[in-house]
N, C-alpha and C. Protein backbone atom coordinates (compact mmCIF):
# COMPACT_ATOMS: atom_id res chain seq x y z
N MET A 1 81.43 97.27 112.50
CA MET A 1 82.78 97.75 112.34
C MET A 1 83.29 97.36 110.96
N TYR A 2 83.93 98.29 110.30
CA TYR A 2 84.45 98.07 108.96
C TYR A 2 85.96 97.90 108.99
N PHE A 3 86.44 97.15 108.02
CA PHE A 3 87.88 97.02 107.79
C PHE A 3 88.08 97.09 106.29
N ALA A 4 89.06 97.85 105.87
CA ALA A 4 89.41 97.93 104.45
C ALA A 4 90.92 97.93 104.32
N ALA A 5 91.42 97.15 103.36
CA ALA A 5 92.86 97.07 103.14
C ALA A 5 93.12 96.87 101.65
N LEU A 6 94.30 97.28 101.25
CA LEU A 6 94.79 97.03 99.90
C LEU A 6 95.88 95.98 99.98
N LEU A 7 95.80 94.98 99.12
CA LEU A 7 96.87 93.99 98.98
C LEU A 7 97.44 94.15 97.59
N ALA A 8 98.71 94.52 97.51
CA ALA A 8 99.37 94.69 96.22
C ALA A 8 100.36 93.55 96.03
N ARG A 9 100.24 92.86 94.89
CA ARG A 9 101.16 91.75 94.61
C ARG A 9 102.49 92.30 94.13
N THR A 10 103.56 91.75 94.66
CA THR A 10 104.90 92.15 94.26
C THR A 10 105.69 90.89 93.89
N GLU A 11 106.94 91.07 93.46
CA GLU A 11 107.81 89.93 93.16
C GLU A 11 108.01 89.05 94.39
N ASP A 12 108.00 89.69 95.56
CA ASP A 12 108.29 88.98 96.80
C ASP A 12 107.06 88.52 97.55
N GLY A 13 105.90 88.66 96.99
CA GLY A 13 104.66 88.27 97.67
C GLY A 13 103.66 89.40 97.66
N TRP A 14 103.03 89.64 98.79
CA TRP A 14 101.99 90.66 98.90
C TRP A 14 102.40 91.72 99.89
N GLU A 15 102.06 92.96 99.59
CA GLU A 15 102.23 94.08 100.52
C GLU A 15 100.82 94.57 100.87
N ALA A 16 100.60 94.79 102.14
CA ALA A 16 99.28 95.25 102.59
C ALA A 16 99.38 96.66 103.13
N SER A 17 98.31 97.40 102.92
CA SER A 17 98.21 98.72 103.54
C SER A 17 96.77 98.95 103.95
N ASP A 18 96.63 99.49 105.15
CA ASP A 18 95.32 99.88 105.64
C ASP A 18 94.88 101.05 104.78
N THR A 19 93.65 101.09 104.41
CA THR A 19 93.21 102.17 103.54
C THR A 19 91.99 102.87 104.12
N GLU A 20 91.97 104.14 103.97
CA GLU A 20 90.87 104.98 104.42
C GLU A 20 89.98 105.26 103.21
N LEU A 21 88.72 104.91 103.30
CA LEU A 21 87.80 105.06 102.17
C LEU A 21 86.89 106.28 102.30
N ASP A 22 87.13 107.12 103.30
CA ASP A 22 86.25 108.27 103.51
C ASP A 22 86.25 109.24 102.33
N ASN A 23 87.35 109.35 101.61
CA ASN A 23 87.43 110.27 100.47
C ASN A 23 87.12 109.59 99.13
N VAL A 24 86.80 108.31 99.17
CA VAL A 24 86.47 107.56 97.96
C VAL A 24 84.96 107.66 97.75
N GLU A 25 84.56 108.21 96.61
CA GLU A 25 83.13 108.43 96.36
C GLU A 25 82.54 107.52 95.29
N SER A 26 83.40 106.79 94.56
CA SER A 26 82.88 105.95 93.48
C SER A 26 83.82 104.78 93.26
N LEU A 27 83.35 103.81 92.49
CA LEU A 27 84.19 102.67 92.13
C LEU A 27 85.41 103.14 91.35
N SER A 28 85.23 104.15 90.52
CA SER A 28 86.35 104.70 89.76
C SER A 28 87.43 105.27 90.69
N ASP A 29 87.02 105.98 91.74
CA ASP A 29 87.96 106.50 92.73
C ASP A 29 88.70 105.36 93.42
N LEU A 30 87.96 104.30 93.75
CA LEU A 30 88.55 103.15 94.42
C LEU A 30 89.57 102.47 93.51
N ALA A 31 89.23 102.33 92.23
CA ALA A 31 90.15 101.73 91.27
C ALA A 31 91.41 102.58 91.12
N ASP A 32 91.25 103.90 91.08
CA ASP A 32 92.41 104.79 90.99
C ASP A 32 93.30 104.64 92.22
N LEU A 33 92.71 104.56 93.40
CA LEU A 33 93.47 104.37 94.63
C LEU A 33 94.26 103.07 94.58
N ALA A 34 93.62 102.02 94.10
CA ALA A 34 94.29 100.72 93.99
C ALA A 34 95.44 100.79 93.00
N ARG A 35 95.22 101.42 91.86
CA ARG A 35 96.28 101.53 90.85
C ARG A 35 97.48 102.32 91.37
N GLU A 36 97.22 103.33 92.21
CA GLU A 36 98.32 104.11 92.80
C GLU A 36 99.19 103.24 93.70
N ASN A 37 98.62 102.18 94.26
CA ASN A 37 99.35 101.28 95.16
C ASN A 37 99.92 100.05 94.46
N ALA A 38 99.67 99.92 93.16
CA ALA A 38 100.15 98.76 92.41
C ALA A 38 101.66 98.85 92.23
N VAL A 39 102.29 97.68 92.20
CA VAL A 39 103.72 97.59 91.92
C VAL A 39 103.84 97.06 90.50
N ASP A 40 104.40 97.87 89.61
CA ASP A 40 104.58 97.47 88.20
C ASP A 40 103.29 97.00 87.54
N ASP A 41 102.19 97.67 87.79
CA ASP A 41 100.88 97.33 87.21
C ASP A 41 100.43 95.91 87.52
N ASP A 42 100.94 95.33 88.60
CA ASP A 42 100.53 93.99 88.99
C ASP A 42 99.19 94.07 89.72
N THR A 43 98.67 92.94 90.12
CA THR A 43 97.36 92.82 90.76
C THR A 43 97.30 93.55 92.10
N VAL A 44 96.20 94.26 92.31
CA VAL A 44 95.89 94.85 93.60
C VAL A 44 94.49 94.38 93.98
N LEU A 45 94.35 93.94 95.22
CA LEU A 45 93.06 93.55 95.75
C LEU A 45 92.65 94.56 96.82
N VAL A 46 91.43 95.05 96.71
CA VAL A 46 90.85 95.88 97.75
C VAL A 46 89.90 94.98 98.51
N LEU A 47 90.15 94.82 99.79
CA LEU A 47 89.33 93.97 100.64
C LEU A 47 88.55 94.86 101.60
N ILE A 48 87.25 94.68 101.61
CA ILE A 48 86.38 95.46 102.49
C ILE A 48 85.49 94.48 103.25
N GLU A 49 85.35 94.73 104.54
CA GLU A 49 84.57 93.82 105.36
C GLU A 49 83.77 94.60 106.40
N GLN A 50 82.50 94.26 106.51
CA GLN A 50 81.73 94.71 107.65
C GLN A 50 81.52 93.46 108.49
N GLU A 51 82.08 93.50 109.69
CA GLU A 51 82.12 92.34 110.56
C GLU A 51 80.78 91.61 110.64
N GLU A 52 80.84 90.32 110.36
CA GLU A 52 79.69 89.42 110.45
C GLU A 52 78.53 89.74 109.51
N ALA A 53 78.68 90.69 108.59
CA ALA A 53 77.57 91.03 107.70
C ALA A 53 77.90 90.73 106.23
N TRP A 54 79.01 91.22 105.74
CA TRP A 54 79.35 91.02 104.34
C TRP A 54 80.83 91.36 104.12
N PHE A 55 81.36 90.88 103.00
CA PHE A 55 82.69 91.29 102.58
C PHE A 55 82.67 91.50 101.08
N GLY A 56 83.59 92.33 100.62
CA GLY A 56 83.71 92.60 99.20
C GLY A 56 85.16 92.60 98.77
N ILE A 57 85.38 92.23 97.52
CA ILE A 57 86.71 92.22 96.94
C ILE A 57 86.64 92.95 95.61
N VAL A 58 87.57 93.86 95.40
CA VAL A 58 87.73 94.50 94.11
C VAL A 58 89.12 94.14 93.63
N ARG A 59 89.20 93.59 92.44
CA ARG A 59 90.50 93.21 91.87
C ARG A 59 90.81 94.15 90.72
N ILE A 60 92.00 94.73 90.78
CA ILE A 60 92.48 95.63 89.73
C ILE A 60 93.74 95.01 89.15
N ASP A 61 93.73 94.78 87.85
CA ASP A 61 94.90 94.29 87.13
C ASP A 61 95.28 95.33 86.09
N GLY A 62 96.30 96.14 86.38
CA GLY A 62 96.73 97.18 85.46
C GLY A 62 95.60 98.14 85.16
N GLU A 63 95.37 98.38 83.88
CA GLU A 63 94.32 99.31 83.45
C GLU A 63 93.01 98.60 83.12
N ASP A 64 92.94 97.29 83.38
CA ASP A 64 91.69 96.55 83.14
C ASP A 64 90.58 97.08 84.04
N ASP A 65 89.35 96.86 83.62
CA ASP A 65 88.20 97.23 84.45
C ASP A 65 88.25 96.45 85.76
N PRO A 66 87.81 97.06 86.84
CA PRO A 66 87.77 96.35 88.13
C PRO A 66 86.84 95.15 88.06
N ARG A 67 87.25 94.09 88.72
CA ARG A 67 86.41 92.91 88.90
C ARG A 67 85.95 92.93 90.35
N ILE A 68 84.67 92.67 90.58
CA ILE A 68 84.08 92.86 91.90
C ILE A 68 83.34 91.60 92.34
N TYR A 69 83.45 91.33 93.63
CA TYR A 69 82.65 90.28 94.26
C TYR A 69 82.16 90.82 95.59
N VAL A 70 80.88 90.63 95.88
CA VAL A 70 80.28 91.03 97.16
C VAL A 70 79.54 89.81 97.71
N SER A 71 79.82 89.47 98.96
CA SER A 71 79.26 88.25 99.55
C SER A 71 77.77 88.31 99.82
N ASP A 72 77.24 89.49 100.14
CA ASP A 72 75.80 89.64 100.41
C ASP A 72 75.38 91.03 99.95
N ALA A 73 74.77 91.08 98.79
CA ALA A 73 74.42 92.37 98.18
C ALA A 73 73.43 93.17 99.03
N ALA A 74 72.45 92.51 99.60
CA ALA A 74 71.44 93.23 100.38
C ALA A 74 72.08 93.86 101.62
N ALA A 75 72.96 93.14 102.29
CA ALA A 75 73.64 93.69 103.46
C ALA A 75 74.57 94.83 103.04
N ALA A 76 75.29 94.65 101.96
CA ALA A 76 76.22 95.68 101.49
C ALA A 76 75.49 96.94 101.04
N GLN A 77 74.29 96.78 100.53
CA GLN A 77 73.52 97.94 100.05
C GLN A 77 73.22 98.91 101.20
N ARG A 78 73.15 98.41 102.40
CA ARG A 78 72.86 99.26 103.57
C ARG A 78 74.12 99.93 104.11
N SER A 79 75.23 99.77 103.41
CA SER A 79 76.51 100.31 103.85
C SER A 79 77.04 101.30 102.82
N ALA A 80 77.60 102.40 103.29
CA ALA A 80 78.19 103.38 102.37
C ALA A 80 79.31 102.74 101.57
N TYR A 81 80.12 101.89 102.20
CA TYR A 81 81.21 101.23 101.48
C TYR A 81 80.67 100.21 100.50
N GLY A 82 79.62 99.52 100.89
CA GLY A 82 79.01 98.55 99.99
C GLY A 82 78.43 99.20 98.76
N GLU A 83 77.85 100.39 98.94
CA GLU A 83 77.27 101.09 97.80
C GLU A 83 78.32 101.45 96.76
N LEU A 84 79.59 101.60 97.16
CA LEU A 84 80.67 101.85 96.20
C LEU A 84 80.79 100.68 95.22
N LEU A 85 80.59 99.48 95.73
CA LEU A 85 80.81 98.28 94.94
C LEU A 85 79.59 97.84 94.13
N LEU A 86 78.41 98.19 94.60
CA LEU A 86 77.17 97.70 93.99
C LEU A 86 76.77 98.60 92.82
N THR A 87 77.46 98.43 91.72
CA THR A 87 77.17 99.20 90.52
C THR A 87 75.91 98.67 89.85
N ASP A 88 75.33 99.49 88.98
CA ASP A 88 74.16 99.03 88.21
C ASP A 88 74.49 97.76 87.44
N GLU A 89 75.66 97.73 86.83
CA GLU A 89 76.08 96.56 86.05
C GLU A 89 76.15 95.31 86.92
N LEU A 90 76.74 95.45 88.11
CA LEU A 90 76.88 94.31 89.01
C LEU A 90 75.52 93.78 89.45
N LEU A 91 74.56 94.70 89.62
CA LEU A 91 73.22 94.31 90.07
C LEU A 91 72.28 93.96 88.93
N GLY A 92 72.78 94.07 87.70
CA GLY A 92 71.95 93.72 86.55
C GLY A 92 70.90 94.75 86.22
N ARG A 93 71.16 96.01 86.58
CA ARG A 93 70.22 97.09 86.27
C ARG A 93 70.76 97.91 85.12
N GLU A 94 69.86 98.60 84.45
CA GLU A 94 70.26 99.53 83.41
C GLU A 94 71.00 100.70 84.05
N PRO A 95 72.14 101.12 83.49
CA PRO A 95 72.87 102.26 84.06
C PRO A 95 71.96 103.48 84.17
N GLY A 96 72.05 104.13 85.34
CA GLY A 96 71.25 105.34 85.58
C GLY A 96 69.80 105.07 85.89
N SER A 97 69.46 103.80 86.11
CA SER A 97 68.05 103.49 86.39
C SER A 97 67.67 103.96 87.78
N ASP A 98 66.38 104.01 88.02
CA ASP A 98 65.86 104.40 89.33
C ASP A 98 66.41 103.46 90.39
N ASP A 99 66.75 103.99 91.55
CA ASP A 99 67.28 103.17 92.64
C ASP A 99 66.20 102.38 93.34
N GLY A 100 64.97 102.59 93.01
CA GLY A 100 63.87 101.87 93.65
C GLY A 100 63.84 100.42 93.25
N PRO A 101 62.91 99.68 93.79
CA PRO A 101 62.85 98.25 93.52
C PRO A 101 62.58 97.96 92.05
N ASP A 102 63.24 96.91 91.57
CA ASP A 102 63.01 96.41 90.23
C ASP A 102 61.86 95.41 90.33
N LEU A 103 60.69 95.82 89.91
CA LEU A 103 59.51 94.99 90.10
C LEU A 103 59.62 93.65 89.39
N ASP A 104 60.38 93.57 88.30
CA ASP A 104 60.55 92.30 87.62
C ASP A 104 61.38 91.32 88.46
N ALA A 105 62.24 91.84 89.32
CA ALA A 105 63.10 90.98 90.13
C ALA A 105 62.43 90.57 91.44
N LEU A 106 61.35 91.21 91.81
CA LEU A 106 60.68 90.89 93.07
C LEU A 106 59.75 89.71 92.90
N ASP A 107 59.56 88.97 93.98
CA ASP A 107 58.60 87.88 94.00
C ASP A 107 57.30 88.45 94.56
N LEU A 108 56.49 89.01 93.67
CA LEU A 108 55.26 89.66 94.10
C LEU A 108 54.15 88.63 94.25
N ASP A 109 53.38 88.77 95.34
CA ASP A 109 52.31 87.81 95.56
C ASP A 109 50.93 88.40 95.29
N GLY A 110 50.88 89.58 94.70
CA GLY A 110 49.61 90.19 94.34
C GLY A 110 49.07 91.14 95.37
N THR A 111 49.57 91.11 96.59
CA THR A 111 49.06 92.00 97.63
C THR A 111 49.60 93.41 97.48
N GLU A 112 50.58 93.60 96.61
CA GLU A 112 51.20 94.91 96.45
C GLU A 112 50.40 95.86 95.58
N ASP A 113 49.40 95.35 94.84
CA ASP A 113 48.61 96.21 93.96
C ASP A 113 48.01 97.36 94.74
N GLY A 114 48.32 98.55 94.31
CA GLY A 114 47.77 99.74 94.93
C GLY A 114 48.48 100.16 96.20
N GLU A 115 49.43 99.39 96.68
CA GLU A 115 50.17 99.75 97.88
C GLU A 115 51.48 100.39 97.47
N SER A 116 51.57 101.69 97.59
CA SER A 116 52.79 102.37 97.16
C SER A 116 53.47 103.11 98.29
N ASP A 117 53.03 102.90 99.53
CA ASP A 117 53.63 103.61 100.66
C ASP A 117 55.13 103.37 100.76
N ASP A 118 55.58 102.12 100.62
CA ASP A 118 57.00 101.81 100.73
C ASP A 118 57.81 102.54 99.67
N GLU A 119 57.31 102.55 98.43
CA GLU A 119 58.04 103.22 97.35
C GLU A 119 58.09 104.72 97.56
N GLU A 120 56.98 105.30 98.04
CA GLU A 120 56.93 106.74 98.20
C GLU A 120 57.86 107.25 99.28
N ASP A 121 58.04 106.46 100.36
CA ASP A 121 58.91 106.95 101.41
C ASP A 121 60.32 106.37 101.32
N GLY A 122 60.64 105.75 100.18
CA GLY A 122 61.98 105.25 99.95
C GLY A 122 62.23 103.86 100.47
N GLY A 123 61.26 103.26 101.16
CA GLY A 123 61.43 101.91 101.67
C GLY A 123 61.33 100.90 100.55
N GLY A 124 61.72 99.68 100.86
CA GLY A 124 61.57 98.60 99.90
C GLY A 124 62.72 98.46 98.94
N ALA A 125 63.71 99.33 98.96
CA ALA A 125 64.81 99.25 98.01
C ALA A 125 65.63 97.99 98.24
N ASP A 126 65.74 97.51 99.49
CA ASP A 126 66.50 96.30 99.76
C ASP A 126 65.90 95.10 99.03
N ASP A 127 64.58 95.13 98.79
CA ASP A 127 63.93 94.01 98.12
C ASP A 127 64.45 93.82 96.71
N ALA A 128 64.96 94.86 96.08
CA ALA A 128 65.43 94.76 94.71
C ALA A 128 66.80 94.13 94.62
N VAL A 129 67.48 93.97 95.73
CA VAL A 129 68.83 93.42 95.75
C VAL A 129 68.78 92.08 96.45
N SER A 130 69.39 91.08 95.84
CA SER A 130 69.34 89.74 96.39
C SER A 130 70.15 89.62 97.67
N HIS A 131 69.66 88.77 98.56
CA HIS A 131 70.46 88.37 99.71
C HIS A 131 71.36 87.27 99.18
N GLY A 132 72.62 87.51 99.24
CA GLY A 132 73.57 86.54 98.73
C GLY A 132 74.59 87.20 97.84
N PRO A 133 75.49 86.40 97.31
CA PRO A 133 76.61 86.94 96.56
C PRO A 133 76.23 87.49 95.19
N VAL A 134 76.97 88.52 94.77
CA VAL A 134 76.87 89.06 93.42
C VAL A 134 78.28 89.34 92.93
N GLY A 135 78.42 89.34 91.63
CA GLY A 135 79.70 89.70 91.04
C GLY A 135 80.46 88.50 90.52
N ASP A 136 81.74 88.70 90.32
CA ASP A 136 82.64 87.72 89.71
C ASP A 136 83.25 86.82 90.78
N SER A 137 82.61 85.70 91.04
CA SER A 137 83.12 84.80 92.09
C SER A 137 84.41 84.10 91.68
N GLU A 138 84.79 84.21 90.43
CA GLU A 138 86.03 83.58 89.95
C GLU A 138 87.21 84.55 89.95
N LEU A 139 87.07 85.74 90.54
CA LEU A 139 88.14 86.74 90.46
C LEU A 139 89.40 86.34 91.19
N LEU A 140 89.35 85.33 92.05
CA LEU A 140 90.55 84.87 92.74
C LEU A 140 90.95 83.45 92.32
N ALA A 141 90.32 82.91 91.29
CA ALA A 141 90.57 81.53 90.88
C ALA A 141 92.04 81.29 90.53
N ASP A 142 92.65 82.22 89.82
CA ASP A 142 94.06 82.04 89.45
C ASP A 142 95.00 82.22 90.63
N LEU A 143 94.47 82.68 91.76
CA LEU A 143 95.27 82.87 92.97
C LEU A 143 95.03 81.75 93.99
N GLY A 144 94.19 80.77 93.62
CA GLY A 144 93.99 79.60 94.47
C GLY A 144 92.65 79.49 95.17
N ILE A 145 91.72 80.41 94.88
CA ILE A 145 90.40 80.34 95.52
C ILE A 145 89.34 80.28 94.43
N SER A 146 88.73 79.12 94.29
CA SER A 146 87.70 78.95 93.26
C SER A 146 86.45 79.73 93.62
N GLY A 147 85.60 79.91 92.65
CA GLY A 147 84.33 80.59 92.89
C GLY A 147 83.49 79.88 93.93
N LYS A 148 83.48 78.57 93.88
CA LYS A 148 82.71 77.79 94.86
C LYS A 148 83.26 78.01 96.27
N GLU A 149 84.59 78.01 96.40
CA GLU A 149 85.20 78.24 97.71
C GLU A 149 84.93 79.65 98.21
N LEU A 150 84.99 80.63 97.30
CA LEU A 150 84.74 82.02 97.68
C LEU A 150 83.30 82.20 98.17
N ARG A 151 82.35 81.61 97.44
CA ARG A 151 80.94 81.73 97.83
C ARG A 151 80.65 81.04 99.15
N ALA A 152 81.46 80.06 99.54
CA ALA A 152 81.25 79.32 100.79
C ALA A 152 81.83 80.03 102.01
N LEU A 153 82.64 81.06 101.79
CA LEU A 153 83.28 81.75 102.92
C LEU A 153 82.27 82.56 103.71
N ASP A 154 82.46 82.56 105.02
CA ASP A 154 81.69 83.43 105.91
C ASP A 154 82.54 83.71 107.13
N GLY A 155 81.99 84.39 108.09
CA GLY A 155 82.78 84.70 109.28
C GLY A 155 83.96 85.59 108.94
N ASP A 156 85.15 85.13 109.22
CA ASP A 156 86.36 85.90 108.97
C ASP A 156 86.92 85.56 107.59
N ALA A 157 86.15 85.86 106.57
CA ALA A 157 86.50 85.50 105.20
C ALA A 157 87.82 86.10 104.74
N LEU A 158 88.10 87.34 105.12
CA LEU A 158 89.33 87.98 104.65
C LEU A 158 90.56 87.27 105.19
N SER A 159 90.51 86.77 106.41
CA SER A 159 91.64 86.01 106.95
C SER A 159 91.82 84.69 106.20
N GLU A 160 90.71 84.07 105.83
CA GLU A 160 90.80 82.82 105.06
C GLU A 160 91.37 83.08 103.68
N ILE A 161 90.99 84.18 103.06
CA ILE A 161 91.54 84.55 101.75
C ILE A 161 93.04 84.81 101.89
N ALA A 162 93.42 85.58 102.91
CA ALA A 162 94.83 85.89 103.13
C ALA A 162 95.65 84.62 103.36
N GLU A 163 95.07 83.66 104.05
CA GLU A 163 95.78 82.40 104.29
C GLU A 163 96.08 81.69 102.97
N VAL A 164 95.10 81.61 102.09
CA VAL A 164 95.32 80.96 100.79
C VAL A 164 96.34 81.73 99.96
N LEU A 165 96.30 83.06 100.03
CA LEU A 165 97.24 83.88 99.27
C LEU A 165 98.64 83.88 99.88
N GLY A 166 98.77 83.38 101.11
CA GLY A 166 100.06 83.34 101.77
C GLY A 166 100.47 84.67 102.38
N CYS A 167 99.49 85.48 102.76
CA CYS A 167 99.82 86.80 103.31
C CYS A 167 99.06 87.12 104.59
N THR A 168 98.82 86.10 105.39
CA THR A 168 98.08 86.29 106.64
C THR A 168 98.77 87.31 107.54
N ASP A 169 100.08 87.14 107.75
CA ASP A 169 100.82 88.05 108.63
C ASP A 169 100.79 89.48 108.11
N VAL A 170 100.89 89.63 106.79
CA VAL A 170 100.88 90.95 106.17
C VAL A 170 99.53 91.64 106.39
N LEU A 171 98.44 90.90 106.17
CA LEU A 171 97.11 91.47 106.36
C LEU A 171 96.85 91.76 107.83
N GLU A 172 97.19 90.84 108.69
CA GLU A 172 96.96 91.05 110.13
C GLU A 172 97.78 92.23 110.65
N GLY A 173 98.89 92.52 110.00
CA GLY A 173 99.72 93.65 110.41
C GLY A 173 99.04 95.00 110.21
N VAL A 174 98.05 95.07 109.32
CA VAL A 174 97.35 96.34 109.09
C VAL A 174 95.97 96.38 109.73
N ARG A 175 95.55 95.28 110.33
CA ARG A 175 94.22 95.24 110.99
C ARG A 175 94.18 96.13 112.20
């Protein structure tokens, strides 16, 4: 089960809105959606969660490039919403590169020589993406959540983030 919400910072705190991502096809579309919900070009956080699997945060500050954090890249890669966040840049790949496994990033033990069945049928792509966090773990540091604290979150991470931001009731109101 997925949950996605926008948190827009205002003079009076945070405003939350449930957001539908079905019409969002790229990170650029997601950033535009966030900017449309910004109050006076202030910070907007897009929070996306797949229950018990992964969560992602996109931070938009005015016209700055989006800052992204994903708790588990391999889990997110198997999700349509996760694929929005997992840009080539975030994954350390050359833009426009093949979506197949990055052989330099794999821990090959030599048994793969001559075995191309997985690559030919599209399998093995998860191996190119690390299990674990990717992105800017410091994107919430100025809001009270250090990178170390963010990387340690699991379970109901979005509720824990909302608690630190002081907007638990606002976020729960759109769940």
